[in-house]
Amino acid sequence: MSEKPIVKPEPGKTEFSQQVGEMAERKLKAQRYVTKTVWSGLGMIGLVGWSVSMPTLLGVALGIWLDKRYPWDHSWTLTLLAIGLALGCVNAWHWVAKENREIHQQEEDHE
């Protein structure tokens, strides 16, 4: 265990009241961060889900249409499914990386 450095209390405050104030400040900061993190996490789940599923489903729909209109030796549906899935994953990675940068920037700003 490391020892806490001895900090002189601010003028007009006792050491105990300063410690209580610091603890209350840390608790409020933690509550704000947890609430924000929970909502951010739920929003990110939805964003990632839509970011991956929409290009995939659009690729499948276009592939089915192309298979009916322009038959090919290979399946347009499977080809566009793979392309849509890849694009969706890249899109989701972009959003997650952006949110991660914003969270780290906010943490640095608060410290």
PDB file of N, CA and C in Angstrom:
ATOM      1  N   MET A   1       0.829  -1.182   0.000  1.00  0.00           N
ATOM      2  CA  MET A   1       0.000   0.000   0.000  1.00  0.00           C
ATOM      3  C   MET A   1       0.867   1.236   0.000  1.00  0.00           C
ATOM      4  N   SER A   2       0.504   2.185  -0.820  1.00  0.00           N
ATOM      5  CA  SER A   2       1.261   3.426  -0.822  1.00  0.00           C
ATOM      6  C   SER A   2       0.618   4.402   0.153  1.00  0.00           C
ATOM      7  N   GLU A   3       1.454   5.208   0.729  1.00  0.00           N
ATOM      8  CA  GLU A   3       0.952   6.185   1.681  1.00  0.00           C
ATOM      9  C   GLU A   3       0.502   7.420   0.938  1.00  0.00           C
ATOM     10  N   LYS A   4      -0.591   8.030   1.430  1.00  0.00           N
ATOM     11  CA  LYS A   4      -1.080   9.253   0.833  1.00  0.00           C
ATOM     12  C   LYS A   4      -0.204  10.404   1.264  1.00  0.00           C
ATOM     13  N   PRO A   5       0.089  11.322   0.382  1.00  0.00           N
ATOM     14  CA  PRO A   5       0.887  12.470   0.789  1.00  0.00           C
ATOM     15  C   PRO A   5       0.087  13.347   1.751  1.00  0.00           C
ATOM     16  N   ILE A   6       0.784  13.971   2.650  1.00  0.00           N
ATOM     17  CA  ILE A   6       0.133  14.849   3.612  1.00  0.00           C
ATOM     18  C   ILE A   6      -0.145  16.174   2.915  1.00  0.00           C
ATOM     19  N   VAL A   7      -1.422  16.532   2.882  1.00  0.00           N
ATOM     20  CA  VAL A   7      -1.840  17.761   2.229  1.00  0.00           C
ATOM     21  C   VAL A   7      -2.378  18.698   3.297  1.00  0.00           C
ATOM     22  N   LYS A   8      -1.885  19.915   3.288  1.00  0.00           N
ATOM     23  CA  LYS A   8      -2.381  20.890   4.252  1.00  0.00           C
ATOM     24  C   LYS A   8      -3.783  21.318   3.831  1.00  0.00           C
ATOM     25  N   PRO A   9      -4.703  21.406   4.782  1.00  0.00           N
ATOM     26  CA  PRO A   9      -6.045  21.837   4.438  1.00  0.00           C
ATOM     27  C   PRO A   9      -6.066  23.292   3.999  1.00  0.00           C
ATOM     28  N   GLU A  10      -7.068  23.617   3.173  1.00  0.00           N
ATOM     29  CA  GLU A  10      -7.229  24.985   2.725  1.00  0.00           C
ATOM     30  C   GLU A  10      -7.548  25.868   3.931  1.00  0.00           C
ATOM     31  N   PRO A  11      -7.246  27.151   3.840  1.00  0.00           N
ATOM     32  CA  PRO A  11      -7.547  28.046   4.950  1.00  0.00           C
ATOM     33  C   PRO A  11      -9.048  28.041   5.253  1.00  0.00           C
ATOM     34  N   GLY A  12      -9.387  27.945   6.525  1.00  0.00           N
ATOM     35  CA  GLY A  12     -10.783  27.942   6.946  1.00  0.00           C
ATOM     36  C   GLY A  12     -11.420  26.568   6.936  1.00  0.00           C
ATOM     37  N   LYS A  13     -10.679  25.536   6.534  1.00  0.00           N
ATOM     38  CA  LYS A  13     -11.216  24.177   6.505  1.00  0.00           C
ATOM     39  C   LYS A  13     -10.332  23.273   7.348  1.00  0.00           C
ATOM     40  N   THR A  14     -10.983  22.322   7.999  1.00  0.00           N
ATOM     41  CA  THR A  14     -10.200  21.334   8.734  1.00  0.00           C
ATOM     42  C   THR A  14      -9.776  20.236   7.763  1.00  0.00           C
ATOM     43  N   GLU A  15      -8.838  19.442   8.176  1.00  0.00           N
ATOM     44  CA  GLU A  15      -8.363  18.343   7.334  1.00  0.00           C
ATOM     45  C   GLU A  15      -9.503  17.373   7.050  1.00  0.00           C
ATOM     46  N   PHE A  16     -10.325  17.104   8.078  1.00  0.00           N
ATOM     47  CA  PHE A  16     -11.449  16.180   7.918  1.00  0.00           C
ATOM     48  C   PHE A  16     -12.469  16.715   6.905  1.00  0.00           C
ATOM     49  N   SER A  17     -12.821  17.994   7.006  1.00  0.00           N
ATOM     50  CA  SER A  17     -13.814  18.538   6.082  1.00  0.00           C
ATOM     51  C   SER A  17     -13.278  18.561   4.653  1.00  0.00           C
ATOM     52  N   GLN A  18     -11.983  18.767   4.494  1.00  0.00           N
ATOM     53  CA  GLN A  18     -11.400  18.743   3.157  1.00  0.00           C
ATOM     54  C   GLN A  18     -11.445  17.327   2.584  1.00  0.00           C
ATOM     55  N   GLN A  19     -11.155  16.319   3.422  1.00  0.00           N
ATOM     56  CA  GLN A  19     -11.210  14.931   2.958  1.00  0.00           C
ATOM     57  C   GLN A  19     -12.630  14.543   2.557  1.00  0.00           C
ATOM     58  N   VAL A  20     -13.604  14.972   3.349  1.00  0.00           N
ATOM     59  CA  VAL A  20     -15.004  14.676   3.030  1.00  0.00           C
ATOM     60  C   VAL A  20     -15.392  15.341   1.714  1.00  0.00           C
ATOM     61  N   GLY A  21     -14.961  16.568   1.512  1.00  0.00           N
ATOM     62  CA  GLY A  21     -15.252  17.274   0.267  1.00  0.00           C
ATOM     63  C   GLY A  21     -14.639  16.586  -0.938  1.00  0.00           C
ATOM     64  N   GLU A  22     -13.411  16.114  -0.792  1.00  0.00           N
ATOM     65  CA  GLU A  22     -12.741  15.412  -1.893  1.00  0.00           C
ATOM     66  C   GLU A  22     -13.444  14.102  -2.212  1.00  0.00           C
ATOM     67  N   MET A  23     -13.859  13.388  -1.159  1.00  0.00           N
ATOM     68  CA  MET A  23     -14.569  12.125  -1.376  1.00  0.00           C
ATOM     69  C   MET A  23     -15.904  12.369  -2.084  1.00  0.00           C
ATOM     70  N   ALA A  24     -16.621  13.409  -1.677  1.00  0.00           N
ATOM     71  CA  ALA A  24     -17.899  13.724  -2.310  1.00  0.00           C
ATOM     72  C   ALA A  24     -17.696  14.100  -3.779  1.00  0.00           C
ATOM     73  N   GLU A  25     -16.656  14.842  -4.048  1.00  0.00           N
ATOM     74  CA  GLU A  25     -16.351  15.239  -5.425  1.00  0.00           C
ATOM     75  C   GLU A  25     -16.040  14.019  -6.287  1.00  0.00           C
ATOM     76  N   ARG A  26     -15.239  13.086  -5.754  1.00  0.00           N
ATOM     77  CA  ARG A  26     -14.925  11.859  -6.502  1.00  0.00           C
ATOM     78  C   ARG A  26     -16.183  11.025  -6.746  1.00  0.00           C
ATOM     79  N   LYS A  27     -17.053  10.960  -5.738  1.00  0.00           N
ATOM     80  CA  LYS A  27     -18.279  10.173  -5.876  1.00  0.00           C
ATOM     81  C   LYS A  27     -19.184  10.764  -6.956  1.00  0.00           C
ATOM     82  N   LEU A  28     -19.347  12.079  -6.959  1.00  0.00           N
ATOM     83  CA  LEU A  28     -20.176  12.723  -7.978  1.00  0.00           C
ATOM     84  C   LEU A  28     -19.594  12.532  -9.370  1.00  0.00           C
ATOM     85  N   LYS A  29     -18.278  12.639  -9.479  1.00  0.00           N
ATOM     86  CA  LYS A  29     -17.624  12.441 -10.772  1.00  0.00           C
ATOM     87  C   LYS A  29     -17.844  11.009 -11.258  1.00  0.00           C
ATOM     88  N   ALA A  30     -17.721  10.034 -10.363  1.00  0.00           N
ATOM     89  CA  ALA A  30     -17.927   8.629 -10.726  1.00  0.00           C
ATOM     90  C   ALA A  30     -19.370   8.382 -11.152  1.00  0.00           C
ATOM     91  N   GLN A  31     -20.328   8.993 -10.468  1.00  0.00           N
ATOM     92  CA  GLN A  31     -21.732   8.811 -10.836  1.00  0.00           C
ATOM     93  C   GLN A  31     -22.022   9.394 -12.209  1.00  0.00           C
ATOM     94  N   ARG A  32     -21.483  10.551 -12.497  1.00  0.00           N
ATOM     95  CA  ARG A  32     -21.684  11.159 -13.810  1.00  0.00           C
ATOM     96  C   ARG A  32     -21.076  10.283 -14.898  1.00  0.00           C
ATOM     97  N   TYR A  33     -19.895   9.762 -14.636  1.00  0.00           N
ATOM     98  CA  TYR A  33     -19.200   8.949 -15.630  1.00  0.00           C
ATOM     99  C   TYR A  33     -19.940   7.639 -15.885  1.00  0.00           C
ATOM    100  N   VAL A  34     -20.429   6.972 -14.842  1.00  0.00           N
ATOM    101  CA  VAL A  34     -21.122   5.702 -14.995  1.00  0.00           C
ATOM    102  C   VAL A  34     -22.412   5.901 -15.772  1.00  0.00           C
ATOM    103  N   THR A  35     -23.190   6.916 -15.440  1.00  0.00           N
ATOM    104  CA  THR A  35     -24.441   7.171 -16.141  1.00  0.00           C
ATOM    105  C   THR A  35     -24.173   7.426 -17.616  1.00  0.00           C
ATOM    106  N   LYS A  36     -23.182   8.241 -17.899  1.00  0.00           N
ATOM    107  CA  LYS A  36     -22.855   8.550 -19.278  1.00  0.00           C
ATOM    108  C   LYS A  36     -22.358   7.299 -19.999  1.00  0.00           C
ATOM    109  N   THR A  37     -21.565   6.512 -19.335  1.00  0.00           N
ATOM    110  CA  THR A  37     -21.021   5.314 -19.952  1.00  0.00           C
ATOM    111  C   THR A  37     -22.120   4.313 -20.287  1.00  0.00           C
ATOM    112  N   VAL A  38     -23.088   4.137 -19.386  1.00  0.00           N
ATOM    113  CA  VAL A  38     -24.170   3.188 -19.631  1.00  0.00           C
ATOM    114  C   VAL A  38     -24.975   3.614 -20.857  1.00  0.00           C
ATOM    115  N   TRP A  39     -25.378   4.872 -20.898  1.00  0.00           N
ATOM    116  CA  TRP A  39     -26.166   5.340 -22.039  1.00  0.00           C
ATOM    117  C   TRP A  39     -25.343   5.348 -23.314  1.00  0.00           C
ATOM    118  N   SER A  40     -24.093   5.725 -23.210  1.00  0.00           N
ATOM    119  CA  SER A  40     -23.225   5.710 -24.392  1.00  0.00           C
ATOM    120  C   SER A  40     -23.067   4.285 -24.906  1.00  0.00           C
ATOM    121  N   GLY A  41     -22.909   3.351 -23.988  1.00  0.00           N
ATOM    122  CA  GLY A  41     -22.757   1.950 -24.378  1.00  0.00           C
ATOM    123  C   GLY A  41     -23.990   1.408 -25.082  1.00  0.00           C
ATOM    124  N   LEU A  42     -25.171   1.723 -24.539  1.00  0.00           N
ATOM    125  CA  LEU A  42     -26.405   1.253 -25.172  1.00  0.00           C
ATOM    126  C   LEU A  42     -26.589   1.886 -26.554  1.00  0.00           C
ATOM    127  N   GLY A  43     -26.279   3.158 -26.643  1.00  0.00           N
ATOM    128  CA  GLY A  43     -26.372   3.820 -27.942  1.00  0.00           C
ATOM    129  C   GLY A  43     -25.390   3.245 -28.947  1.00  0.00           C
ATOM    130  N   MET A  44     -24.201   2.916 -28.459  1.00  0.00           N
ATOM    131  CA  MET A  44     -23.175   2.363 -29.342  1.00  0.00           C
ATOM    132  C   MET A  44     -23.580   0.973 -29.834  1.00  0.00           C
ATOM    133  N   ILE A  45     -24.230   0.182 -28.996  1.00  0.00           N
ATOM    134  CA  ILE A  45     -24.692  -1.141 -29.429  1.00  0.00           C
ATOM    135  C   ILE A  45     -25.661  -0.994 -30.596  1.00  0.00           C
ATOM    136  N   GLY A  46     -26.608  -0.065 -30.468  1.00  0.00           N
ATOM    137  CA  GLY A  46     -27.563   0.164 -31.548  1.00  0.00           C
ATOM    138  C   GLY A  46     -26.892   0.674 -32.801  1.00  0.00           C
ATOM    139  N   LEU A  47     -25.952   1.594 -32.626  1.00  0.00           N
ATOM    140  CA  LEU A  47     -25.251   2.165 -33.777  1.00  0.00           C
ATOM    141  C   LEU A  47     -24.441   1.105 -34.512  1.00  0.00           C
ATOM    142  N   VAL A  48     -23.738   0.287 -33.763  1.00  0.00           N
ATOM    143  CA  VAL A  48     -22.936  -0.771 -34.384  1.00  0.00           C
ATOM    144  C   VAL A  48     -23.846  -1.779 -35.085  1.00  0.00           C
ATOM    145  N   GLY A  49     -24.945  -2.127 -34.437  1.00  0.00           N
ATOM    146  CA  GLY A  49     -25.879  -3.078 -35.042  1.00  0.00           C
ATOM    147  C   GLY A  49     -26.420  -2.592 -36.371  1.00  0.00           C
ATOM    148  N   TRP A  50     -26.890  -1.346 -36.397  1.00  0.00           N
ATOM    149  CA  TRP A  50     -27.410  -0.790 -37.644  1.00  0.00           C
ATOM    150  C   TRP A  50     -26.311  -0.594 -38.672  1.00  0.00           C
ATOM    151  N   SER A  51     -25.137  -0.216 -38.222  1.00  0.00           N
ATOM    152  CA  SER A  51     -24.022   0.026 -39.150  1.00  0.00           C
ATOM    153  C   SER A  51     -23.605  -1.245 -39.875  1.00  0.00           C
ATOM    154  N   VAL A  52     -23.755  -2.377 -39.226  1.00  0.00           N
ATOM    155  CA  VAL A  52     -23.383  -3.649 -39.857  1.00  0.00           C
ATOM    156  C   VAL A  52     -24.562  -4.252 -40.615  1.00  0.00           C
ATOM    157  N   SER A  53     -25.739  -4.221 -40.008  1.00  0.00           N
ATOM    158  CA  SER A  53     -26.878  -4.922 -40.614  1.00  0.00           C
ATOM    159  C   SER A  53     -27.418  -4.238 -41.868  1.00  0.00           C
ATOM    160  N   MET A  54     -27.462  -2.929 -41.896  1.00  0.00           N
ATOM    161  CA  MET A  54     -28.052  -2.251 -43.057  1.00  0.00           C
ATOM    162  C   MET A  54     -27.269  -2.481 -44.353  1.00  0.00           C
ATOM    163  N   PRO A  55     -25.951  -2.278 -44.385  1.00  0.00           N
ATOM    164  CA  PRO A  55     -25.244  -2.575 -45.640  1.00  0.00           C
ATOM    165  C   PRO A  55     -25.344  -4.054 -46.036  1.00  0.00           C
ATOM    166  N   THR A  56     -25.377  -4.937 -45.042  1.00  0.00           N
ATOM    167  CA  THR A  56     -25.484  -6.367 -45.330  1.00  0.00           C
ATOM    168  C   THR A  56     -26.837  -6.675 -45.976  1.00  0.00           C
ATOM    169  N   LEU A  57     -27.906  -6.151 -45.375  1.00  0.00           N
ATOM    170  CA  LEU A  57     -29.239  -6.410 -45.920  1.00  0.00           C
ATOM    171  C   LEU A  57     -29.437  -5.749 -47.284  1.00  0.00           C
ATOM    172  N   LEU A  58     -28.892  -4.559 -47.454  1.00  0.00           N
ATOM    173  CA  LEU A  58     -28.979  -3.905 -48.757  1.00  0.00           C
ATOM    174  C   LEU A  58     -28.213  -4.692 -49.821  1.00  0.00           C
ATOM    175  N   GLY A  59     -27.071  -5.242 -49.445  1.00  0.00           N
ATOM    176  CA  GLY A  59     -26.312  -6.084 -50.373  1.00  0.00           C
ATOM    177  C   GLY A  59     -27.085  -7.329 -50.758  1.00  0.00           C
ATOM    178  N   VAL A  60     -27.751  -7.948 -49.795  1.00  0.00           N
ATOM    179  CA  VAL A  60     -28.548  -9.145 -50.080  1.00  0.00           C
ATOM    180  C   VAL A  60     -29.714  -8.797 -51.007  1.00  0.00           C
ATOM    181  N   ALA A  61     -30.401  -7.688 -50.699  1.00  0.00           N
ATOM    182  CA  ALA A  61     -31.547  -7.298 -51.530  1.00  0.00           C
ATOM    183  C   ALA A  61     -31.113  -7.002 -52.970  1.00  0.00           C
ATOM    184  N   LEU A  62     -30.026  -6.269 -53.120  1.00  0.00           N
ATOM    185  CA  LEU A  62     -29.515  -5.975 -54.459  1.00  0.00           C
ATOM    186  C   LEU A  62     -29.056  -7.265 -55.151  1.00  0.00           C
ATOM    187  N   GLY A  63     -28.440  -8.158 -54.394  1.00  0.00           N
ATOM    188  CA  GLY A  63     -27.986  -9.433 -54.963  1.00  0.00           C
ATOM    189  C   GLY A  63     -29.139 -10.291 -55.456  1.00  0.00           C
ATOM    190  N   ILE A  64     -30.229 -10.342 -54.692  1.00  0.00           N
ATOM    191  CA  ILE A  64     -31.403 -11.117 -55.124  1.00  0.00           C
ATOM    192  C   ILE A  64     -31.973 -10.524 -56.414  1.00  0.00           C
ATOM    193  N   TRP A  65     -32.055  -9.195 -56.459  1.00  0.00           N
ATOM    194  CA  TRP A  65     -32.574  -8.525 -57.660  1.00  0.00           C
ATOM    195  C   TRP A  65     -31.674  -8.821 -58.870  1.00  0.00           C
ATOM    196  N   LEU A  66     -30.346  -8.730 -58.655  1.00  0.00           N
ATOM    197  CA  LEU A  66     -29.412  -9.001 -59.756  1.00  0.00           C
ATOM    198  C   LEU A  66     -29.464 -10.462 -60.198  1.00  0.00           C
ATOM    199  N   ASP A  67     -29.618 -11.387 -59.238  1.00  0.00           N
ATOM    200  CA  ASP A  67     -29.718 -12.810 -59.599  1.00  0.00           C
ATOM    201  C   ASP A  67     -30.937 -13.072 -60.489  1.00  0.00           C
ATOM    202  N   LYS A  68     -32.028 -12.369 -60.239  1.00  0.00           N
ATOM    203  CA  LYS A  68     -33.236 -12.563 -61.055  1.00  0.00           C
ATOM    204  C   LYS A  68     -33.082 -11.915 -62.432  1.00  0.00           C
ATOM    205  N   ARG A  69     -32.455 -10.757 -62.484  1.00  0.00           N
ATOM    206  CA  ARG A  69     -32.346  -9.998 -63.741  1.00  0.00           C
ATOM    207  C   ARG A  69     -31.167 -10.446 -64.607  1.00  0.00           C
ATOM    208  N   TYR A  70     -30.026 -10.667 -63.971  1.00  0.00           N
ATOM    209  CA  TYR A  70     -28.794 -10.977 -64.709  1.00  0.00           C
ATOM    210  C   TYR A  70     -28.132 -12.226 -64.128  1.00  0.00           C
ATOM    211  N   PRO A  71     -28.587 -13.402 -64.532  1.00  0.00           N
ATOM    212  CA  PRO A  71     -27.978 -14.631 -64.007  1.00  0.00           C
ATOM    213  C   PRO A  71     -26.477 -14.683 -64.326  1.00  0.00           C
ATOM    214  N   TRP A  72     -25.732 -15.242 -63.388  1.00  0.00           N
ATOM    215  CA  TRP A  72     -24.279 -15.301 -63.471  1.00  0.00           C
ATOM    216  C   TRP A  72     -23.849 -16.660 -62.956  1.00  0.00           C
ATOM    217  N   ASP A  73     -22.641 -17.099 -63.300  1.00  0.00           N
ATOM    218  CA  ASP A  73     -22.157 -18.393 -62.824  1.00  0.00           C
ATOM    219  C   ASP A  73     -22.098 -18.419 -61.294  1.00  0.00           C
ATOM    220  N   HIS A  74     -21.766 -17.289 -60.716  1.00  0.00           N
ATOM    221  CA  HIS A  74     -21.687 -17.176 -59.262  1.00  0.00           C
ATOM    222  C   HIS A  74     -22.896 -16.404 -58.752  1.00  0.00           C
ATOM    223  N   SER A  75     -23.157 -16.527 -57.479  1.00  0.00           N
ATOM    224  CA  SER A  75     -24.323 -15.874 -56.890  1.00  0.00           C
ATOM    225  C   SER A  75     -24.043 -14.400 -56.588  1.00  0.00           C
ATOM    226  N   TRP A  76     -24.849 -13.517 -57.187  1.00  0.00           N
ATOM    227  CA  TRP A  76     -24.744 -12.099 -56.848  1.00  0.00           C
ATOM    228  C   TRP A  76     -25.089 -11.890 -55.373  1.00  0.00           C
ATOM    229  N   THR A  77     -26.049 -12.645 -54.894  1.00  0.00           N
ATOM    230  CA  THR A  77     -26.505 -12.477 -53.508  1.00  0.00           C
ATOM    231  C   THR A  77     -25.370 -12.737 -52.523  1.00  0.00           C
ATOM    232  N   LEU A  78     -24.661 -13.841 -52.707  1.00  0.00           N
ATOM    233  CA  LEU A  78     -23.562 -14.151 -51.788  1.00  0.00           C
ATOM    234  C   LEU A  78     -22.413 -13.160 -51.916  1.00  0.00           C
ATOM    235  N   THR A  79     -22.145 -12.755 -53.155  1.00  0.00           N
ATOM    236  CA  THR A  79     -21.063 -11.784 -53.384  1.00  0.00           C
ATOM    237  C   THR A  79     -21.371 -10.457 -52.703  1.00  0.00           C
ATOM    238  N   LEU A  80     -22.585  -9.946 -52.910  1.00  0.00           N
ATOM    239  CA  LEU A  80     -22.953  -8.659 -52.323  1.00  0.00           C
ATOM    240  C   LEU A  80     -23.202  -8.762 -50.818  1.00  0.00           C
ATOM    241  N   LEU A  81     -23.575  -9.955 -50.352  1.00  0.00           N
ATOM    242  CA  LEU A  81     -23.683 -10.166 -48.903  1.00  0.00           C
ATOM    243  C   LEU A  81     -22.317  -9.978 -48.255  1.00  0.00           C
ATOM    244  N   ALA A  82     -21.299 -10.585 -48.841  1.00  0.00           N
ATOM    245  CA  ALA A  82     -19.941 -10.465 -48.288  1.00  0.00           C
ATOM    246  C   ALA A  82     -19.440  -9.021 -48.372  1.00  0.00           C
ATOM    247  N   ILE A  83     -19.695  -8.357 -49.491  1.00  0.00           N
ATOM    248  CA  ILE A  83     -19.265  -6.963 -49.639  1.00  0.00           C
ATOM    249  C   ILE A  83     -20.002  -6.067 -48.651  1.00  0.00           C
ATOM    250  N   GLY A  84     -21.315  -6.264 -48.516  1.00  0.00           N
ATOM    251  CA  GLY A  84     -22.103  -5.473 -47.560  1.00  0.00           C
ATOM    252  C   GLY A  84     -21.659  -5.692 -46.129  1.00  0.00           C
ATOM    253  N   LEU A  85     -21.356  -6.941 -45.793  1.00  0.00           N
ATOM    254  CA  LEU A  85     -20.880  -7.240 -44.448  1.00  0.00           C
ATOM    255  C   LEU A  85     -19.528  -6.581 -44.178  1.00  0.00           C
ATOM    256  N   ALA A  86     -18.643  -6.646 -45.143  1.00  0.00           N
ATOM    257  CA  ALA A  86     -17.327  -6.012 -44.983  1.00  0.00           C
ATOM    258  C   ALA A  86     -17.472  -4.499 -44.829  1.00  0.00           C
ATOM    259  N   LEU A  87     -18.296  -3.881 -45.676  1.00  0.00           N
ATOM    260  CA  LEU A  87     -18.519  -2.438 -45.560  1.00  0.00           C
ATOM    261  C   LEU A  87     -19.155  -2.079 -44.214  1.00  0.00           C
ATOM    262  N   GLY A  88     -20.089  -2.892 -43.756  1.00  0.00           N
ATOM    263  CA  GLY A  88     -20.728  -2.653 -42.461  1.00  0.00           C
ATOM    264  C   GLY A  88     -19.738  -2.740 -41.309  1.00  0.00           C
ATOM    265  N   CYS A  89     -18.842  -3.700 -41.366  1.00  0.00           N
ATOM    266  CA  CYS A  89     -17.830  -3.833 -40.310  1.00  0.00           C
ATOM    267  C   CYS A  89     -16.875  -2.645 -40.307  1.00  0.00           C
ATOM    268  N   VAL A  90     -16.479  -2.204 -41.490  1.00  0.00           N
ATOM    269  CA  VAL A  90     -15.609  -1.020 -41.574  1.00  0.00           C
ATOM    270  C   VAL A  90     -16.343   0.203 -41.030  1.00  0.00           C
ATOM    271  N   ASN A  91     -17.606   0.340 -41.380  1.00  0.00           N
ATOM    272  CA  ASN A  91     -18.423   1.448 -40.903  1.00  0.00           C
ATOM    273  C   ASN A  91     -18.551   1.407 -39.374  1.00  0.00           C
ATOM    274  N   ALA A  92     -18.826   0.248 -38.801  1.00  0.00           N
ATOM    275  CA  ALA A  92     -18.946   0.114 -37.349  1.00  0.00           C
ATOM    276  C   ALA A  92     -17.607   0.416 -36.671  1.00  0.00           C
ATOM    277  N   TRP A  93     -16.521  -0.067 -37.236  1.00  0.00           N
ATOM    278  CA  TRP A  93     -15.199   0.211 -36.670  1.00  0.00           C
ATOM    279  C   TRP A  93     -14.940   1.709 -36.653  1.00  0.00           C
ATOM    280  N   HIS A  94     -15.343   2.396 -37.709  1.00  0.00           N
ATOM    281  CA  HIS A  94     -15.179   3.849 -37.773  1.00  0.00           C
ATOM    282  C   HIS A  94     -15.907   4.531 -36.624  1.00  0.00           C
ATOM    283  N   TRP A  95     -17.176   4.157 -36.396  1.00  0.00           N
ATOM    284  CA  TRP A  95     -17.965   4.785 -35.336  1.00  0.00           C
ATOM    285  C   TRP A  95     -17.418   4.465 -33.955  1.00  0.00           C
ATOM    286  N   VAL A  96     -17.009   3.232 -33.723  1.00  0.00           N
ATOM    287  CA  VAL A  96     -16.462   2.857 -32.418  1.00  0.00           C
ATOM    288  C   VAL A  96     -15.155   3.602 -32.157  1.00  0.00           C
ATOM    289  N   ALA A  97     -14.306   3.710 -33.151  1.00  0.00           N
ATOM    290  CA  ALA A  97     -13.049   4.445 -32.989  1.00  0.00           C
ATOM    291  C   ALA A  97     -13.315   5.916 -32.704  1.00  0.00           C
ATOM    292  N   LYS A  98     -14.301   6.494 -33.379  1.00  0.00           N
ATOM    293  CA  LYS A  98     -14.654   7.902 -33.154  1.00  0.00           C
ATOM    294  C   LYS A  98     -15.147   8.111 -31.724  1.00  0.00           C
ATOM    295  N   GLU A  99     -16.038   7.248 -31.247  1.00  0.00           N
ATOM    296  CA  GLU A  99     -16.553   7.356 -29.880  1.00  0.00           C
ATOM    297  C   GLU A  99     -15.435   7.160 -28.858  1.00  0.00           C
ATOM    298  N   ASN A 100     -14.535   6.244 -29.132  1.00  0.00           N
ATOM    299  CA  ASN A 100     -13.416   5.991 -28.224  1.00  0.00           C
ATOM    300  C   ASN A 100     -12.537   7.238 -28.101  1.00  0.00           C
ATOM    301  N   ARG A 101     -12.250   7.881 -29.231  1.00  0.00           N
ATOM    302  CA  ARG A 101     -11.463   9.118 -29.195  1.00  0.00           C
ATOM    303  C   ARG A 101     -12.175  10.198 -28.391  1.00  0.00           C
ATOM    304  N   GLU A 102     -13.491  10.342 -28.579  1.00  0.00           N
ATOM    305  CA  GLU A 102     -14.251  11.362 -27.856  1.00  0.00           C
ATOM    306  C   GLU A 102     -14.268  11.089 -26.360  1.00  0.00           C
ATOM    307  N   ILE A 103     -14.417   9.839 -25.958  1.00  0.00           N
ATOM    308  CA  ILE A 103     -14.428   9.485 -24.533  1.00  0.00           C
ATOM    309  C   ILE A 103     -13.077   9.807 -23.907  1.00  0.00           C
ATOM    310  N   HIS A 104     -11.984   9.428 -24.587  1.00  0.00           N
ATOM    311  CA  HIS A 104     -10.659   9.701 -24.041  1.00  0.00           C
ATOM    312  C   HIS A 104     -10.387  11.199 -23.986  1.00  0.00           C
ATOM    313  N   GLN A 105     -10.876  11.943 -24.973  1.00  0.00           N
ATOM    314  CA  GLN A 105     -10.696  13.394 -24.972  1.00  0.00           C
ATOM    315  C   GLN A 105     -11.443  14.027 -23.800  1.00  0.00           C
ATOM    316  N   GLN A 106     -12.648  13.565 -23.526  1.00  0.00           N
ATOM    317  CA  GLN A 106     -13.435  14.087 -22.411  1.00  0.00           C
ATOM    318  C   GLN A 106     -12.772  13.761 -21.077  1.00  0.00           C
ATOM    319  N   GLU A 107     -12.204  12.556 -20.958  1.00  0.00           N
ATOM    320  CA  GLU A 107     -11.513  12.191 -19.720  1.00  0.00           C
ATOM    321  C   GLU A 107     -10.307  13.097 -19.498  1.00  0.00           C
ATOM    322  N   GLU A 108      -9.578  13.378 -20.561  1.00  0.00           N
ATOM    323  CA  GLU A 108      -8.412  14.264 -20.450  1.00  0.00           C
ATOM    324  C   GLU A 108      -8.837  15.686 -20.088  1.00  0.00           C
ATOM    325  N   ASP A 109      -9.959  16.147 -20.641  1.00  0.00           N
ATOM    326  CA  ASP A 109     -10.443  17.495 -20.353  1.00  0.00           C
ATOM    327  C   ASP A 109     -10.892  17.636 -18.898  1.00  0.00           C
ATOM    328  N   HIS A 110     -11.467  16.566 -18.320  1.00  0.00           N
ATOM    329  CA  HIS A 110     -11.937  16.633 -16.940  1.00  0.00           C
ATOM    330  C   HIS A 110     -10.813  16.530 -15.922  1.00  0.00           C
ATOM    331  N   GLU A 111      -9.681  15.993 -16.339  1.00  0.00           N
ATOM    332  CA  GLU A 111      -8.564  15.822 -15.397  1.00  0.00           C
ATOM    333  C   GLU A 111      -7.697  17.001 -15.361  1.00  0.00           C
TER     334      GLU A 111
END
